[in-house]
Amino acid sequence: MILHHPGCNDTFVAADVDYDIVASSQLFHFGYPPLMKSIIERGAIELVEIFRRAKSLGVTTSLDNVYA
């Protein structure tokens, strides 16, 4: 069971990620994008941008895609 309140998750976008921190990491993990309105609207363009930028930094990425 997942209990979820959207709160700030509904306004989170690619620009909110600190890519300087991502660049100094070995792994970038992102979870539950279907629960984040701004991430998945418009064809998930924000999610694509997050992963495009993380991969361009040479960081291994993983995605946990929950279904609500």
PDB file of N, CA and C in Angstrom:
ATOM      1  N   MET A   1       0.836  -1.148   0.000  1.00  0.00           N
ATOM      2  CA  MET A   1       0.000   0.000   0.000  1.00  0.00           C
ATOM      3  C   MET A   1       0.897   1.233   0.000  1.00  0.00           C
ATOM      4  N   ILE A   2       0.501   2.226  -0.759  1.00  0.00           N
ATOM      5  CA  ILE A   2       1.211   3.505  -0.791  1.00  0.00           C
ATOM      6  C   ILE A   2       0.238   4.588  -0.364  1.00  0.00           C
ATOM      7  N   LEU A   3       0.611   5.332   0.635  1.00  0.00           N
ATOM      8  CA  LEU A   3      -0.145   6.509   1.039  1.00  0.00           C
ATOM      9  C   LEU A   3       0.591   7.704   0.461  1.00  0.00           C
ATOM     10  N   HIS A   4      -0.128   8.546  -0.253  1.00  0.00           N
ATOM     11  CA  HIS A   4       0.538   9.637  -0.949  1.00  0.00           C
ATOM     12  C   HIS A   4      -0.268  10.916  -0.851  1.00  0.00           C
ATOM     13  N   HIS A   5       0.407  12.005  -0.547  1.00  0.00           N
ATOM     14  CA  HIS A   5      -0.176  13.335  -0.629  1.00  0.00           C
ATOM     15  C   HIS A   5       0.680  14.106  -1.620  1.00  0.00           C
ATOM     16  N   PRO A   6       0.100  14.656  -2.680  1.00  0.00           N
ATOM     17  CA  PRO A   6       0.910  15.236  -3.742  1.00  0.00           C
ATOM     18  C   PRO A   6       1.817  16.385  -3.299  1.00  0.00           C
ATOM     19  N   GLY A   7       1.317  17.303  -2.520  1.00  0.00           N
ATOM     20  CA  GLY A   7       2.155  18.393  -2.029  1.00  0.00           C
ATOM     21  C   GLY A   7       3.089  18.933  -3.099  1.00  0.00           C
ATOM     22  N   CYS A   8       4.358  19.118  -2.721  1.00  0.00           N
ATOM     23  CA  CYS A   8       5.337  19.689  -3.655  1.00  0.00           C
ATOM     24  C   CYS A   8       5.681  18.739  -4.796  1.00  0.00           C
ATOM     25  N   ASN A   9       5.355  17.465  -4.694  1.00  0.00           N
ATOM     26  CA  ASN A   9       5.623  16.548  -5.801  1.00  0.00           C
ATOM     27  C   ASN A   9       4.909  16.977  -7.083  1.00  0.00           C
ATOM     28  N   ASP A  10       3.777  17.648  -6.964  1.00  0.00           N
ATOM     29  CA  ASP A  10       3.033  18.056  -8.153  1.00  0.00           C
ATOM     30  C   ASP A  10       3.690  19.198  -8.909  1.00  0.00           C
ATOM     31  N   THR A  11       4.633  19.892  -8.288  1.00  0.00           N
ATOM     32  CA  THR A  11       5.290  21.019  -8.967  1.00  0.00           C
ATOM     33  C   THR A  11       6.768  20.750  -9.252  1.00  0.00           C
ATOM     34  N   PHE A  12       7.266  19.571  -8.891  1.00  0.00           N
ATOM     35  CA  PHE A  12       8.667  19.218  -9.095  1.00  0.00           C
ATOM     36  C   PHE A  12       8.956  19.067 -10.588  1.00  0.00           C
ATOM     37  N   VAL A  13      10.044  19.716 -11.061  1.00  0.00           N
ATOM     38  CA  VAL A  13      10.429  19.650 -12.476  1.00  0.00           C
ATOM     39  C   VAL A  13      11.935  19.400 -12.590  1.00  0.00           C
ATOM     40  N   ALA A  14      12.407  19.201 -13.797  1.00  0.00           N
ATOM     41  CA  ALA A  14      13.823  18.891 -14.048  1.00  0.00           C
ATOM     42  C   ALA A  14      14.755  19.957 -13.476  1.00  0.00           C
ATOM     43  N   ALA A  15      14.358  21.194 -13.500  1.00  0.00           N
ATOM     44  CA  ALA A  15      15.202  22.285 -12.993  1.00  0.00           C
ATOM     45  C   ALA A  15      15.390  22.223 -11.476  1.00  0.00           C
ATOM     46  N   ASP A  16      14.569  21.450 -10.788  1.00  0.00           N
ATOM     47  CA  ASP A  16      14.695  21.320  -9.332  1.00  0.00           C
ATOM     48  C   ASP A  16      15.808  20.366  -8.916  1.00  0.00           C
ATOM     49  N   VAL A  17      16.322  19.586  -9.837  1.00  0.00           N
ATOM     50  CA  VAL A  17      17.400  18.644  -9.534  1.00  0.00           C
ATOM     51  C   VAL A  17      18.723  19.406  -9.495  1.00  0.00           C
ATOM     52  N   ASP A  18      19.539  19.157  -8.483  1.00  0.00           N
ATOM     53  CA  ASP A  18      20.868  19.767  -8.388  1.00  0.00           C
ATOM     54  C   ASP A  18      21.843  18.884  -9.167  1.00  0.00           C
ATOM     55  N   TYR A  19      22.097  19.253 -10.404  1.00  0.00           N
ATOM     56  CA  TYR A  19      22.922  18.430 -11.285  1.00  0.00           C
ATOM     57  C   TYR A  19      24.399  18.452 -10.900  1.00  0.00           C
ATOM     58  N   ASP A  20      24.828  19.411 -10.094  1.00  0.00           N
ATOM     59  CA  ASP A  20      26.199  19.391  -9.564  1.00  0.00           C
ATOM     60  C   ASP A  20      26.367  18.208  -8.617  1.00  0.00           C
ATOM     61  N   ILE A  21      25.354  17.960  -7.823  1.00  0.00           N
ATOM     62  CA  ILE A  21      25.394  16.801  -6.921  1.00  0.00           C
ATOM     63  C   ILE A  21      25.309  15.514  -7.735  1.00  0.00           C
ATOM     64  N   VAL A  22      24.434  15.494  -8.736  1.00  0.00           N
ATOM     65  CA  VAL A  22      24.311  14.314  -9.588  1.00  0.00           C
ATOM     66  C   VAL A  22      25.657  13.998 -10.237  1.00  0.00           C
ATOM     67  N   ALA A  23      26.353  15.020 -10.712  1.00  0.00           N
ATOM     68  CA  ALA A  23      27.639  14.826 -11.399  1.00  0.00           C
ATOM     69  C   ALA A  23      28.688  14.197 -10.500  1.00  0.00           C
ATOM     70  N   SER A  24      28.586  14.427  -9.205  1.00  0.00           N
ATOM     71  CA  SER A  24      29.575  13.864  -8.277  1.00  0.00           C
ATOM     72  C   SER A  24      29.134  12.510  -7.720  1.00  0.00           C
ATOM     73  N   SER A  25      28.067  11.962  -8.289  1.00  0.00           N
ATOM     74  CA  SER A  25      27.518  10.692  -7.819  1.00  0.00           C
ATOM     75  C   SER A  25      27.821   9.570  -8.802  1.00  0.00           C
ATOM     76  N   GLN A  26      27.698   8.352  -8.329  1.00  0.00           N
ATOM     77  CA  GLN A  26      27.845   7.194  -9.205  1.00  0.00           C
ATOM     78  C   GLN A  26      26.492   6.698  -9.701  1.00  0.00           C
ATOM     79  N   LEU A  27      25.443   6.955  -8.916  1.00  0.00           N
ATOM     80  CA  LEU A  27      24.107   6.464  -9.242  1.00  0.00           C
ATOM     81  C   LEU A  27      23.081   7.555  -9.012  1.00  0.00           C
ATOM     82  N   PHE A  28      22.179   7.722  -9.975  1.00  0.00           N
ATOM     83  CA  PHE A  28      21.038   8.620  -9.829  1.00  0.00           C
ATOM     84  C   PHE A  28      19.788   7.763  -9.873  1.00  0.00           C
ATOM     85  N   HIS A  29      19.029   7.778  -8.784  1.00  0.00           N
ATOM     86  CA  HIS A  29      17.797   6.995  -8.710  1.00  0.00           C
ATOM     87  C   HIS A  29      16.623   7.947  -8.578  1.00  0.00           C
ATOM     88  N   PHE A  30      15.594   7.709  -9.381  1.00  0.00           N
ATOM     89  CA  PHE A  30      14.389   8.539  -9.338  1.00  0.00           C
ATOM     90  C   PHE A  30      13.205   7.624  -9.131  1.00  0.00           C
ATOM     91  N   GLY A  31      12.331   7.989  -8.201  1.00  0.00           N
ATOM     92  CA  GLY A  31      11.221   7.116  -7.879  1.00  0.00           C
ATOM     93  C   GLY A  31       9.853   7.753  -7.999  1.00  0.00           C
ATOM     94  N   TYR A  32       8.922   6.938  -8.391  1.00  0.00           N
ATOM     95  CA  TYR A  32       7.490   7.214  -8.394  1.00  0.00           C
ATOM     96  C   TYR A  32       7.047   8.380  -9.278  1.00  0.00           C
ATOM     97  N   PRO A  33       7.566   8.512 -10.485  1.00  0.00           N
ATOM     98  CA  PRO A  33       7.150   9.631 -11.336  1.00  0.00           C
ATOM     99  C   PRO A  33       5.650   9.680 -11.641  1.00  0.00           C
ATOM    100  N   PRO A  34       4.921   8.547 -11.713  1.00  0.00           N
ATOM    101  CA  PRO A  34       3.487   8.672 -11.987  1.00  0.00           C
ATOM    102  C   PRO A  34       2.716   9.435 -10.899  1.00  0.00           C
ATOM    103  N   LEU A  35       3.324   9.581  -9.735  1.00  0.00           N
ATOM    104  CA  LEU A  35       2.669  10.314  -8.652  1.00  0.00           C
ATOM    105  C   LEU A  35       3.036  11.804  -8.661  1.00  0.00           C
ATOM    106  N   MET A  36       3.799  12.229  -9.658  1.00  0.00           N
ATOM    107  CA  MET A  36       4.293  13.606  -9.719  1.00  0.00           C
ATOM    108  C   MET A  36       3.735  14.283 -10.975  1.00  0.00           C
ATOM    109  N   LYS A  37       2.719  15.095 -10.787  1.00  0.00           N
ATOM    110  CA  LYS A  37       1.964  15.675 -11.897  1.00  0.00           C
ATOM    111  C   LYS A  37       2.847  16.375 -12.932  1.00  0.00           C
ATOM    112  N   SER A  38       3.718  17.267 -12.511  1.00  0.00           N
ATOM    113  CA  SER A  38       4.540  18.027 -13.464  1.00  0.00           C
ATOM    114  C   SER A  38       5.550  17.157 -14.194  1.00  0.00           C
ATOM    115  N   ILE A  39       5.947  16.054 -13.583  1.00  0.00           N
ATOM    116  CA  ILE A  39       6.920  15.161 -14.203  1.00  0.00           C
ATOM    117  C   ILE A  39       6.308  14.383 -15.359  1.00  0.00           C
ATOM    118  N   ILE A  40       5.046  13.991 -15.228  1.00  0.00           N
ATOM    119  CA  ILE A  40       4.454  13.120 -16.254  1.00  0.00           C
ATOM    120  C   ILE A  40       3.544  13.826 -17.252  1.00  0.00           C
ATOM    121  N   GLU A  41       3.131  15.064 -16.956  1.00  0.00           N
ATOM    122  CA  GLU A  41       2.262  15.729 -17.929  1.00  0.00           C
ATOM    123  C   GLU A  41       3.055  16.109 -19.176  1.00  0.00           C
ATOM    124  N   ARG A  42       2.363  16.388 -20.246  1.00  0.00           N
ATOM    125  CA  ARG A  42       2.981  16.740 -21.539  1.00  0.00           C
ATOM    126  C   ARG A  42       3.920  15.634 -22.026  1.00  0.00           C
ATOM    127  N   GLY A  43       3.480  14.402 -21.911  1.00  0.00           N
ATOM    128  CA  GLY A  43       4.266  13.287 -22.426  1.00  0.00           C
ATOM    129  C   GLY A  43       5.523  12.990 -21.631  1.00  0.00           C
ATOM    130  N   ALA A  44       5.519  13.332 -20.357  1.00  0.00           N
ATOM    131  CA  ALA A  44       6.649  13.070 -19.443  1.00  0.00           C
ATOM    132  C   ALA A  44       7.931  13.783 -19.874  1.00  0.00           C
ATOM    133  N   ILE A  45       7.788  14.954 -20.469  1.00  0.00           N
ATOM    134  CA  ILE A  45       8.950  15.696 -20.957  1.00  0.00           C
ATOM    135  C   ILE A  45       9.934  16.039 -19.837  1.00  0.00           C
ATOM    136  N   GLU A  46       9.444  16.306 -18.641  1.00  0.00           N
ATOM    137  CA  GLU A  46      10.334  16.625 -17.516  1.00  0.00           C
ATOM    138  C   GLU A  46      11.132  15.397 -17.083  1.00  0.00           C
ATOM    139  N   LEU A  47      10.489  14.245 -17.076  1.00  0.00           N
ATOM    140  CA  LEU A  47      11.183  13.004 -16.720  1.00  0.00           C
ATOM    141  C   LEU A  47      12.272  12.697 -17.740  1.00  0.00           C
ATOM    142  N   VAL A  48      11.954  12.850 -19.005  1.00  0.00           N
ATOM    143  CA  VAL A  48      12.936  12.624 -20.063  1.00  0.00           C
ATOM    144  C   VAL A  48      14.120  13.569 -19.883  1.00  0.00           C
ATOM    145  N   GLU A  49      13.856  14.827 -19.585  1.00  0.00           N
ATOM    146  CA  GLU A  49      14.936  15.811 -19.402  1.00  0.00           C
ATOM    147  C   GLU A  49      15.822  15.460 -18.212  1.00  0.00           C
ATOM    148  N   ILE A  50      15.238  15.040 -17.117  1.00  0.00           N
ATOM    149  CA  ILE A  50      16.022  14.638 -15.946  1.00  0.00           C
ATOM    150  C   ILE A  50      16.987  13.515 -16.304  1.00  0.00           C
ATOM    151  N   PHE A  51      16.480  12.491 -16.955  1.00  0.00           N
ATOM    152  CA  PHE A  51      17.324  11.347 -17.290  1.00  0.00           C
ATOM    153  C   PHE A  51      18.322  11.675 -18.396  1.00  0.00           C
ATOM    154  N   ARG A  52      17.950  12.526 -19.332  1.00  0.00           N
ATOM    155  CA  ARG A  52      18.882  12.948 -20.376  1.00  0.00           C
ATOM    156  C   ARG A  52      20.078  13.666 -19.749  1.00  0.00           C
ATOM    157  N   ARG A  53      19.786  14.576 -18.822  1.00  0.00           N
ATOM    158  CA  ARG A  53      20.871  15.329 -18.178  1.00  0.00           C
ATOM    159  C   ARG A  53      21.728  14.435 -17.294  1.00  0.00           C
ATOM    160  N   ALA A  54      21.105  13.550 -16.537  1.00  0.00           N
ATOM    161  CA  ALA A  54      21.871  12.650 -15.666  1.00  0.00           C
ATOM    162  C   ALA A  54      22.778  11.743 -16.497  1.00  0.00           C
ATOM    163  N   LYS A  55      22.249  11.178 -17.570  1.00  0.00           N
ATOM    164  CA  LYS A  55      23.058  10.301 -18.420  1.00  0.00           C
ATOM    165  C   LYS A  55      24.189  11.073 -19.096  1.00  0.00           C
ATOM    166  N   SER A  56      23.947  12.330 -19.451  1.00  0.00           N
ATOM    167  CA  SER A  56      24.996  13.127 -20.099  1.00  0.00           C
ATOM    168  C   SER A  56      26.166  13.395 -19.154  1.00  0.00           C
ATOM    169  N   LEU A  57      25.931  13.244 -17.861  1.00  0.00           N
ATOM    170  CA  LEU A  57      26.984  13.410 -16.860  1.00  0.00           C
ATOM    171  C   LEU A  57      27.741  12.104 -16.612  1.00  0.00           C
ATOM    172  N   GLY A  58      27.329  11.040 -17.283  1.00  0.00           N
ATOM    173  CA  GLY A  58      28.007   9.751 -17.146  1.00  0.00           C
ATOM    174  C   GLY A  58      27.603   8.973 -15.909  1.00  0.00           C
ATOM    175  N   VAL A  59      26.497   9.351 -15.320  1.00  0.00           N
ATOM    176  CA  VAL A  59      26.022   8.710 -14.092  1.00  0.00           C
ATOM    177  C   VAL A  59      25.094   7.547 -14.451  1.00  0.00           C
ATOM    178  N   THR A  60      25.231   6.435 -13.750  1.00  0.00           N
ATOM    179  CA  THR A  60      24.303   5.319 -13.902  1.00  0.00           C
ATOM    180  C   THR A  60      22.948   5.759 -13.358  1.00  0.00           C
ATOM    181  N   THR A  61      21.880   5.431 -14.065  1.00  0.00           N
ATOM    182  CA  THR A  61      20.546   5.844 -13.638  1.00  0.00           C
ATOM    183  C   THR A  61      19.655   4.638 -13.368  1.00  0.00           C
ATOM    184  N   SER A  62      18.684   4.854 -12.496  1.00  0.00           N
ATOM    185  CA  SER A  62      17.655   3.836 -12.265  1.00  0.00           C
ATOM    186  C   SER A  62      16.337   4.544 -12.013  1.00  0.00           C
ATOM    187  N   LEU A  63      15.261   3.857 -12.343  1.00  0.00           N
ATOM    188  CA  LEU A  63      13.916   4.424 -12.233  1.00  0.00           C
ATOM    189  C   LEU A  63      13.006   3.416 -11.534  1.00  0.00           C
ATOM    190  N   ASP A  64      12.306   3.869 -10.499  1.00  0.00           N
ATOM    191  CA  ASP A  64      11.314   3.058  -9.817  1.00  0.00           C
ATOM    192  C   ASP A  64       9.950   3.609 -10.223  1.00  0.00           C
ATOM    193  N   ASN A  65       9.253   2.893 -11.076  1.00  0.00           N
ATOM    194  CA  ASN A  65       8.011   3.365 -11.658  1.00  0.00           C
ATOM    195  C   ASN A  65       6.831   2.691 -10.987  1.00  0.00           C
ATOM    196  N   VAL A  66       6.272   3.312  -9.965  1.00  0.00           N
ATOM    197  CA  VAL A  66       5.131   2.766  -9.251  1.00  0.00           C
ATOM    198  C   VAL A  66       3.861   3.000 -10.061  1.00  0.00           C
ATOM    199  N   TYR A  67       2.909   2.144  -9.899  1.00  0.00           N
ATOM    200  CA  TYR A  67       1.606   2.338 -10.518  1.00  0.00           C
ATOM    201  C   TYR A  67       0.593   2.574  -9.420  1.00  0.00           C
ATOM    202  N   ALA A  68      -0.037   3.733  -9.478  1.00  0.00           N
ATOM    203  CA  ALA A  68      -1.010   4.094  -8.436  1.00  0.00           C
ATOM    204  C   ALA A  68      -2.420   3.887  -8.913  1.00  0.00           C
TER     205      ALA A  68
END
